[in-house]
Amino acid sequence: MESLAFWKRLREAVVTYRPQLRFALRMTVSGLVALTIARSLNLPLHGLWVVLTAVVVTQMSVGGSLRATIEYIVGTFGGALYAAVIGILIPHATVPAQNGVLALTIAPLAFAAAFNPNFRVAPFSAVLVLLLAGQLGDGPIESAITRLAEVALGGAVAVVVSLLVFPQRAHRLGAQAAAQALERMARALPELLQGVSRQLHAGTIARIQNHIGASVTAFQDIAAEARRERAVALVSAPDTAPLSRTLLRLRHDLVIVGRAVAEPLPDVLARRLAPQLARVGEDAGNFLHASATALKTERQPPSLEACDASLRAYESEVTALRNEGLTRALSSFEVERLFALGFALEQLYRNFGDLARCVREYARGGAKARA
């Protein structure tokens, strides 16, 4: 029985951490393949830079590996070329001269890297070219060419391994990241709406908003990798841009909701609106939960009927409060928050329609892939 329990826990762990385990295997294979090729070509330093490049640019997804490879090659080319030119034009046989040439090489490349992430590796590559030139019997030009060739070879190995060894598409990772963001929104909205009738701690609101923001940002990073996969026709999948915009708008809606409920409304209004808002939060949360599941399973989006009905009921209750004159005693700040809450919910439900269209596109893409 203990043995069966152990294997069950092991199997559950493998299923839970399958993407991470696949990534670890891909990186290991990339390093081993790069080392084998480097040895067969008898490259300097046992192919150190080929292996390092293959390991560094191997990412969670194929699109991520492509992005990292392109950035690494561009940065290496710029840094190696600049260092080679500086090394030829400025003699640096003495220690002070070497220090001056090194500073003259690093500073401009570091400045460029601050503006363009493609040049983040440029200072590193330039230092290697300068310091290794002559150590292996090569001049600056030969050292730069060798460095660029080894990086290109290592990047090619990483991309090929990412395509062949348990390939993980950024599109699939993006759907999971988007679903996680929607799940957090689904839990957050009912909690935020309770602020109409009871005081929410400012730290609680900030924590909720920060977690949602981090989830949306994580999806946008993966979406950029997915666009690279689509650009080189590595995968036929829906464009991630509409879903990215929709998640961002939903996040902004929740930010407005959070600001509107930072202080409870007067009791006479809170008693009337709290039940309606609880229904709004429940129906909206259910829709977001169901949309997250549909994204992950590539199924059709859920219906918006319940959400529409609860929103109309809330708006009717607000209208009834106005007709009864209960909003006349409100301060301008309270009126502003009540208006902002209604506006945010209206926008939220409009964006639900965009979300449903995005989920439908993902479902169509999954149906084509299964056909």
Protein backbone atom coordinates (compact mmCIF):
# COMPACT_ATOMS: atom_id res chain seq x y z
CA MET A 1 0.00 0.00 0.00
CA GLU A 2 2.84 2.39 0.81
CA SER A 3 4.42 1.64 -2.54
CA LEU A 4 1.16 2.37 -4.37
CA ALA A 5 0.75 5.62 -2.45
CA PHE A 6 4.31 6.63 -3.37
CA TRP A 7 3.78 6.00 -7.08
CA LYS A 8 0.46 7.84 -6.95
CA ARG A 9 2.10 10.89 -5.37
CA LEU A 10 4.93 10.69 -7.90
CA ARG A 11 2.49 10.52 -10.80
CA GLU A 12 0.54 13.50 -9.44
CA ALA A 13 3.76 15.48 -9.07
CA VAL A 14 4.76 14.68 -12.65
CA VAL A 15 1.37 15.81 -13.94
CA THR A 16 1.47 19.00 -11.85
CA TYR A 17 4.98 19.97 -12.91
CA ARG A 18 4.90 18.58 -16.45
CA PRO A 19 5.82 21.89 -18.19
CA GLN A 20 8.72 22.47 -15.80
CA LEU A 21 10.00 18.90 -16.21
CA ARG A 22 9.81 19.17 -19.99
CA PHE A 23 11.72 22.44 -19.85
CA ALA A 24 14.44 20.85 -17.71
CA LEU A 25 14.73 17.96 -20.17
CA ARG A 26 14.92 20.28 -23.18
CA MET A 27 17.66 22.38 -21.60
CA THR A 28 19.63 19.27 -20.67
CA VAL A 29 19.35 17.87 -24.19
CA SER A 30 20.35 21.24 -25.67
CA GLY A 31 23.52 21.31 -23.59
CA LEU A 32 24.47 17.73 -24.41
CA VAL A 33 23.81 18.09 -28.15
CA ALA A 34 25.75 21.36 -28.27
CA LEU A 35 28.70 19.77 -26.49
CA THR A 36 28.68 16.78 -28.87
CA ILE A 37 28.65 19.02 -31.94
CA ALA A 38 31.36 21.30 -30.52
CA ARG A 39 33.64 18.35 -29.83
CA SER A 40 33.10 16.92 -33.29
CA LEU A 41 34.11 20.28 -34.79
CA ASN A 42 37.10 20.60 -32.42
CA LEU A 43 36.08 24.13 -31.39
CA PRO A 44 38.23 26.20 -29.00
CA LEU A 45 37.71 25.82 -25.25
CA HIS A 46 35.78 22.58 -25.89
CA GLY A 47 32.94 24.55 -27.46
CA LEU A 48 32.28 26.44 -24.22
CA TRP A 49 30.31 29.26 -25.86
CA VAL A 50 28.27 26.89 -28.01
CA VAL A 51 27.12 24.99 -24.93
CA LEU A 52 26.51 28.14 -22.89
CA THR A 53 24.46 29.70 -25.67
CA ALA A 54 22.37 26.57 -26.17
CA VAL A 55 21.58 26.45 -22.46
CA VAL A 56 20.94 30.19 -22.04
CA VAL A 57 18.54 30.61 -24.98
CA THR A 58 16.48 27.46 -24.30
CA GLN A 59 13.17 28.75 -22.92
CA MET A 60 9.84 27.32 -21.79
CA SER A 61 8.29 27.61 -25.26
CA VAL A 62 9.43 27.45 -28.86
CA GLY A 63 8.59 31.12 -29.29
CA GLY A 64 10.63 31.97 -26.20
CA SER A 65 13.63 30.10 -27.57
CA LEU A 66 13.29 31.95 -30.87
CA ARG A 67 13.12 35.31 -29.11
CA ALA A 68 16.10 34.58 -26.88
CA THR A 69 18.15 33.26 -29.82
CA ILE A 70 17.47 36.34 -31.95
CA GLU A 71 18.28 38.72 -29.09
CA TYR A 72 21.44 36.80 -28.24
CA ILE A 73 22.70 36.72 -31.82
CA VAL A 74 21.93 40.41 -32.40
CA GLY A 75 23.64 41.40 -29.17
CA THR A 76 26.63 39.18 -29.89
CA PHE A 77 27.04 40.55 -33.40
CA GLY A 78 26.89 44.17 -32.22
CA GLY A 79 29.21 43.63 -29.27
CA ALA A 80 31.73 41.48 -31.14
CA LEU A 81 31.88 43.81 -34.15
CA TYR A 82 32.30 46.92 -32.00
CA ALA A 83 34.98 45.29 -29.84
CA ALA A 84 36.88 44.08 -32.91
CA VAL A 85 36.93 47.58 -34.41
CA ILE A 86 38.06 49.15 -31.12
CA GLY A 87 40.71 46.46 -30.65
CA ILE A 88 42.18 47.14 -34.09
CA LEU A 89 42.05 50.93 -34.00
CA ILE A 90 43.42 51.44 -30.47
CA PRO A 91 46.63 49.65 -29.40
CA HIS A 92 46.29 48.18 -25.91
CA ALA A 93 49.49 46.35 -25.08
CA THR A 94 49.90 47.91 -21.62
CA VAL A 95 47.64 47.48 -18.60
CA PRO A 96 46.45 51.13 -18.55
CA ALA A 97 45.71 50.93 -22.27
CA GLN A 98 43.73 47.72 -21.77
CA ASN A 99 41.70 49.36 -19.00
CA GLY A 100 40.98 52.36 -21.20
CA VAL A 101 39.96 50.22 -24.20
CA LEU A 102 37.76 48.05 -21.99
CA ALA A 103 35.99 51.11 -20.57
CA LEU A 104 35.58 52.58 -24.05
CA THR A 105 34.06 49.30 -25.20
CA ILE A 106 31.69 48.59 -22.32
CA ALA A 107 30.24 52.06 -21.72
CA PRO A 108 28.63 52.69 -25.15
CA LEU A 109 27.29 49.14 -25.37
CA ALA A 110 25.83 49.32 -21.87
CA PHE A 111 24.18 52.62 -22.83
CA ALA A 112 22.67 50.95 -25.93
CA ALA A 113 21.51 47.98 -23.84
CA ALA A 114 19.61 50.37 -21.55
CA PHE A 115 17.43 51.36 -24.53
CA ASN A 116 17.22 48.09 -26.46
CA PRO A 117 17.06 44.65 -24.79
CA ASN A 118 18.59 43.09 -27.90
CA PHE A 119 21.92 44.57 -26.80
CA ARG A 120 21.89 43.22 -23.26
CA VAL A 121 24.48 40.60 -24.18
CA ALA A 122 26.59 43.01 -26.26
CA PRO A 123 28.88 44.23 -23.42
CA PHE A 124 29.46 40.62 -22.36
CA SER A 125 30.38 39.57 -25.90
CA ALA A 126 32.63 42.59 -26.38
CA VAL A 127 34.59 41.77 -23.21
CA LEU A 128 35.12 38.20 -24.41
CA VAL A 129 36.36 39.33 -27.80
CA LEU A 130 38.79 41.83 -26.29
CA LEU A 131 40.17 39.61 -23.56
CA LEU A 132 40.35 36.39 -25.58
CA ALA A 133 41.83 37.99 -28.69
CA GLY A 134 45.44 36.86 -28.79
CA GLN A 135 45.01 34.29 -26.03
CA LEU A 136 44.15 31.61 -28.58
CA GLY A 137 46.32 32.99 -31.36
CA ASP A 138 43.48 34.99 -32.91
CA GLY A 139 43.24 38.68 -33.65
CA PRO A 140 40.18 40.80 -32.80
CA ILE A 141 38.47 40.07 -36.14
CA GLU A 142 39.05 36.32 -35.92
CA SER A 143 37.91 36.31 -32.29
CA ALA A 144 34.73 38.18 -33.18
CA ILE A 145 33.92 35.81 -36.05
CA THR A 146 34.53 32.76 -33.88
CA ARG A 147 32.35 34.15 -31.11
CA LEU A 148 29.47 34.92 -33.50
CA ALA A 149 29.70 31.51 -35.20
CA GLU A 150 29.62 29.67 -31.86
CA VAL A 151 26.63 31.68 -30.66
CA ALA A 152 24.75 31.06 -33.91
CA LEU A 153 25.45 27.33 -33.63
CA GLY A 154 24.33 27.21 -30.00
CA GLY A 155 21.15 29.13 -30.82
CA ALA A 156 20.36 26.78 -33.71
CA VAL A 157 20.77 23.79 -31.42
CA ALA A 158 18.41 25.32 -28.84
CA VAL A 159 15.71 26.07 -31.41
CA VAL A 160 15.91 22.63 -33.04
CA VAL A 161 15.77 20.87 -29.66
CA SER A 162 12.81 23.06 -28.62
CA LEU A 163 11.00 21.97 -31.79
CA LEU A 164 11.76 18.26 -31.45
CA VAL A 165 11.98 17.42 -27.73
CA PHE A 166 8.56 17.71 -26.06
CA PRO A 167 7.83 20.98 -27.87
CA GLN A 168 5.81 23.43 -25.79
CA ARG A 169 3.97 26.05 -27.83
CA ALA A 170 3.63 29.54 -26.42
CA HIS A 171 0.00 29.48 -27.59
CA ARG A 172 -0.83 26.71 -25.13
CA LEU A 173 1.13 28.37 -22.32
CA GLY A 174 -0.66 31.63 -23.13
CA ALA A 175 -4.09 30.03 -22.78
CA GLN A 176 -3.11 28.69 -19.37
CA ALA A 177 -1.73 32.08 -18.27
CA ALA A 178 -4.88 33.86 -19.47
CA ALA A 179 -7.03 31.32 -17.63
CA GLN A 180 -5.07 31.98 -14.45
CA ALA A 181 -5.66 35.72 -14.81
CA LEU A 182 -9.40 35.14 -15.31
CA GLU A 183 -9.55 32.88 -12.26
CA ARG A 184 -8.02 35.61 -10.14
CA MET A 185 -10.48 38.16 -11.50
CA ALA A 186 -13.34 35.76 -10.75
CA ARG A 187 -12.26 35.52 -7.11
CA ALA A 188 -11.50 39.23 -6.82
CA LEU A 189 -14.72 40.79 -8.10
CA PRO A 190 -17.15 39.42 -5.45
CA GLU A 191 -14.63 40.32 -2.74
CA LEU A 192 -14.28 43.88 -4.02
CA LEU A 193 -18.02 44.41 -4.33
CA GLN A 194 -18.42 43.68 -0.61
CA GLY A 195 -16.80 47.06 -0.05
CA VAL A 196 -20.17 48.70 -0.75
CA SER A 197 -21.48 47.58 2.62
CA ARG A 198 -18.32 47.01 4.71
CA GLN A 199 -14.90 48.60 4.96
CA LEU A 200 -12.20 46.87 2.94
CA HIS A 201 -8.63 47.23 4.11
CA ALA A 202 -6.50 49.24 1.69
CA GLY A 203 -3.86 46.51 1.82
CA THR A 204 -6.44 43.92 0.75
CA ILE A 205 -7.46 45.95 -2.30
CA ALA A 206 -3.82 46.55 -3.22
CA ARG A 207 -3.02 42.84 -2.90
CA ILE A 208 -5.93 41.89 -5.13
CA GLN A 209 -5.01 44.42 -7.81
CA ASN A 210 -1.31 43.50 -7.74
CA HIS A 211 -2.02 39.81 -8.20
CA ILE A 212 -4.32 40.48 -11.13
CA GLY A 213 -1.80 42.86 -12.68
CA ALA A 214 0.98 40.27 -12.36
CA SER A 215 -1.19 37.63 -14.05
CA VAL A 216 -2.05 39.91 -16.97
CA THR A 217 1.60 40.88 -17.39
CA ALA A 218 2.62 37.21 -17.39
CA PHE A 219 0.15 36.52 -20.19
CA GLN A 220 1.37 39.47 -22.23
CA ASP A 221 4.96 38.19 -22.02
CA ILE A 222 3.89 34.78 -23.30
CA ALA A 223 1.67 36.37 -25.95
CA ALA A 224 4.74 38.10 -27.41
CA GLU A 225 6.38 34.69 -27.78
CA ALA A 226 3.23 33.27 -29.38
CA ARG A 227 3.26 36.06 -31.98
CA ARG A 228 6.80 35.06 -32.95
CA GLU A 229 5.66 31.47 -33.42
CA ARG A 230 2.84 32.61 -35.69
CA ALA A 231 5.18 34.92 -37.62
CA VAL A 232 7.42 32.02 -38.65
CA ALA A 233 4.45 29.67 -39.18
CA LEU A 234 5.49 27.31 -36.40
CA VAL A 235 1.91 27.02 -35.27
CA SER A 236 -1.55 27.84 -36.61
CA ALA A 237 -3.32 29.53 -33.73
CA PRO A 238 -5.52 32.56 -33.04
CA ASP A 239 -3.86 35.95 -32.69
CA THR A 240 -3.21 36.65 -29.00
CA ALA A 241 -3.51 40.43 -29.40
CA PRO A 242 -7.34 40.63 -28.94
CA LEU A 243 -7.22 38.49 -25.80
CA SER A 244 -4.32 40.56 -24.46
CA ARG A 245 -6.28 43.79 -24.97
CA THR A 246 -9.40 42.30 -23.40
CA LEU A 247 -7.57 41.12 -20.28
CA LEU A 248 -6.00 44.54 -19.91
CA ARG A 249 -9.39 46.25 -20.17
CA LEU A 250 -10.89 43.84 -17.62
CA ARG A 251 -8.05 44.65 -15.26
CA HIS A 252 -8.73 48.38 -15.68
CA ASP A 253 -12.42 47.78 -14.93
CA LEU A 254 -11.52 46.03 -11.68
CA VAL A 255 -9.20 48.89 -10.76
CA ILE A 256 -12.13 51.32 -11.13
CA VAL A 257 -14.36 48.99 -9.09
CA GLY A 258 -11.70 48.87 -6.37
CA ARG A 259 -11.52 52.65 -6.20
CA ALA A 260 -15.30 52.98 -6.15
CA VAL A 261 -15.69 50.65 -3.15
CA ALA A 262 -12.74 52.00 -1.17
CA GLU A 263 -15.31 53.42 1.28
CA PRO A 264 -18.74 51.89 2.09
CA LEU A 265 -21.86 53.67 0.87
CA PRO A 266 -24.37 55.05 3.41
CA ASP A 267 -26.37 52.30 5.14
CA VAL A 268 -29.65 53.20 3.46
CA LEU A 269 -28.09 52.59 0.04
CA ALA A 270 -25.82 49.72 1.07
CA ARG A 271 -28.75 47.66 2.41
CA ARG A 272 -30.55 47.95 -0.93
CA LEU A 273 -27.58 47.53 -3.26
CA ALA A 274 -25.55 44.88 -1.42
CA PRO A 275 -27.84 41.95 -2.39
CA GLN A 276 -27.91 43.06 -6.02
CA LEU A 277 -24.13 43.48 -6.12
CA ALA A 278 -23.65 40.07 -4.50
CA ARG A 279 -25.63 38.57 -7.37
CA VAL A 280 -23.60 40.61 -9.87
CA GLY A 281 -20.36 39.35 -8.34
CA GLU A 282 -21.55 35.75 -8.28
CA ASP A 283 -22.75 35.72 -11.89
CA ALA A 284 -19.68 37.57 -13.16
CA GLY A 285 -17.39 35.26 -11.18
CA ASN A 286 -19.12 32.20 -12.62
CA PHE A 287 -18.72 33.58 -16.13
CA LEU A 288 -15.01 34.27 -15.60
CA HIS A 289 -14.44 30.83 -14.08
CA ALA A 290 -16.26 29.15 -16.98
CA SER A 291 -14.34 31.26 -19.51
CA ALA A 292 -11.04 30.22 -17.92
CA THR A 293 -12.03 26.56 -18.20
CA ALA A 294 -13.14 27.04 -21.80
CA LEU A 295 -9.79 28.63 -22.69
CA LYS A 296 -7.81 25.75 -21.21
CA THR A 297 -9.96 23.09 -22.86
CA GLU A 298 -10.53 25.02 -26.14
CA ARG A 299 -14.33 24.90 -25.75
CA GLN A 300 -17.08 27.39 -26.52
CA PRO A 301 -17.59 30.33 -24.10
CA PRO A 302 -20.33 30.31 -21.47
CA SER A 303 -23.58 32.23 -21.84
CA LEU A 304 -23.81 35.87 -20.80
CA GLU A 305 -27.53 35.75 -19.98
CA ALA A 306 -27.12 35.49 -16.20
CA CYS A 307 -24.60 38.33 -16.15
CA ASP A 308 -26.85 40.55 -18.21
CA ALA A 309 -29.85 39.85 -15.97
CA SER A 310 -27.98 40.62 -12.74
CA LEU A 311 -26.57 43.86 -14.14
CA ARG A 312 -30.02 44.99 -15.29
CA ALA A 313 -31.40 44.18 -11.82
CA TYR A 314 -28.68 46.29 -10.18
CA GLU A 315 -29.30 49.21 -12.53
CA SER A 316 -33.05 48.98 -11.84
CA GLU A 317 -32.39 49.16 -8.10
CA VAL A 318 -30.18 52.24 -8.53
CA THR A 319 -32.94 53.87 -10.60
CA ALA A 320 -35.48 53.05 -7.89
CA LEU A 321 -33.25 54.68 -5.26
CA ARG A 322 -33.06 57.83 -7.36
CA ASN A 323 -36.82 57.91 -7.91
CA GLU A 324 -37.34 57.62 -4.16
CA GLY A 325 -34.99 60.55 -3.60
CA LEU A 326 -32.55 58.54 -1.49
CA THR A 327 -29.53 59.72 -3.49
CA ARG A 328 -30.20 63.44 -2.89
CA ALA A 329 -28.56 63.39 0.53
CA LEU A 330 -25.34 61.94 -0.84
CA SER A 331 -22.19 64.01 -0.90
CA SER A 332 -20.57 64.77 -4.23
CA PHE A 333 -17.84 62.23 -3.40
CA GLU A 334 -20.43 59.49 -2.72
CA VAL A 335 -22.34 60.31 -5.91
CA GLU A 336 -19.09 60.15 -7.86
CA ARG A 337 -18.27 56.71 -6.43
CA LEU A 338 -21.76 55.39 -7.11
CA PHE A 339 -21.56 56.61 -10.71
CA ALA A 340 -18.03 55.18 -11.11
CA LEU A 341 -19.18 51.78 -9.83
CA GLY A 342 -22.07 51.64 -12.30
CA PHE A 343 -19.82 52.75 -15.15
CA ALA A 344 -17.17 50.15 -14.28
CA LEU A 345 -19.72 47.33 -14.14
CA GLU A 346 -21.23 48.40 -17.46
CA GLN A 347 -17.78 48.42 -19.07
CA LEU A 348 -16.94 45.11 -17.43
CA TYR A 349 -19.94 43.42 -18.98
CA ARG A 350 -19.21 44.92 -22.39
CA ASN A 351 -15.71 43.51 -22.16
CA PHE A 352 -17.22 40.16 -21.24
CA GLY A 353 -18.61 40.11 -24.77
CA ASP A 354 -15.11 40.65 -26.17
CA LEU A 355 -13.82 37.92 -23.90
CA ALA A 356 -16.46 35.52 -25.20
CA ARG A 357 -15.37 36.25 -28.78
CA CYS A 358 -11.72 35.58 -27.88
CA VAL A 359 -12.63 32.30 -26.21
CA ARG A 360 -14.65 31.35 -29.27
CA GLU A 361 -11.62 32.00 -31.51
CA TYR A 362 -9.47 29.77 -29.33
CA ALA A 363 -12.14 27.06 -29.53
CA ARG A 364 -12.15 27.29 -33.32
CA GLY A 365 -8.37 27.03 -33.36
CA GLY A 366 -8.52 23.92 -31.19
CA ALA A 367 -11.15 22.37 -33.44
CA LYS A 368 -8.96 22.94 -36.51
CA ALA A 369 -5.96 21.42 -34.76
CA ARG A 370 -7.97 18.32 -33.81
CA ALA A 371 -9.45 17.95 -37.32
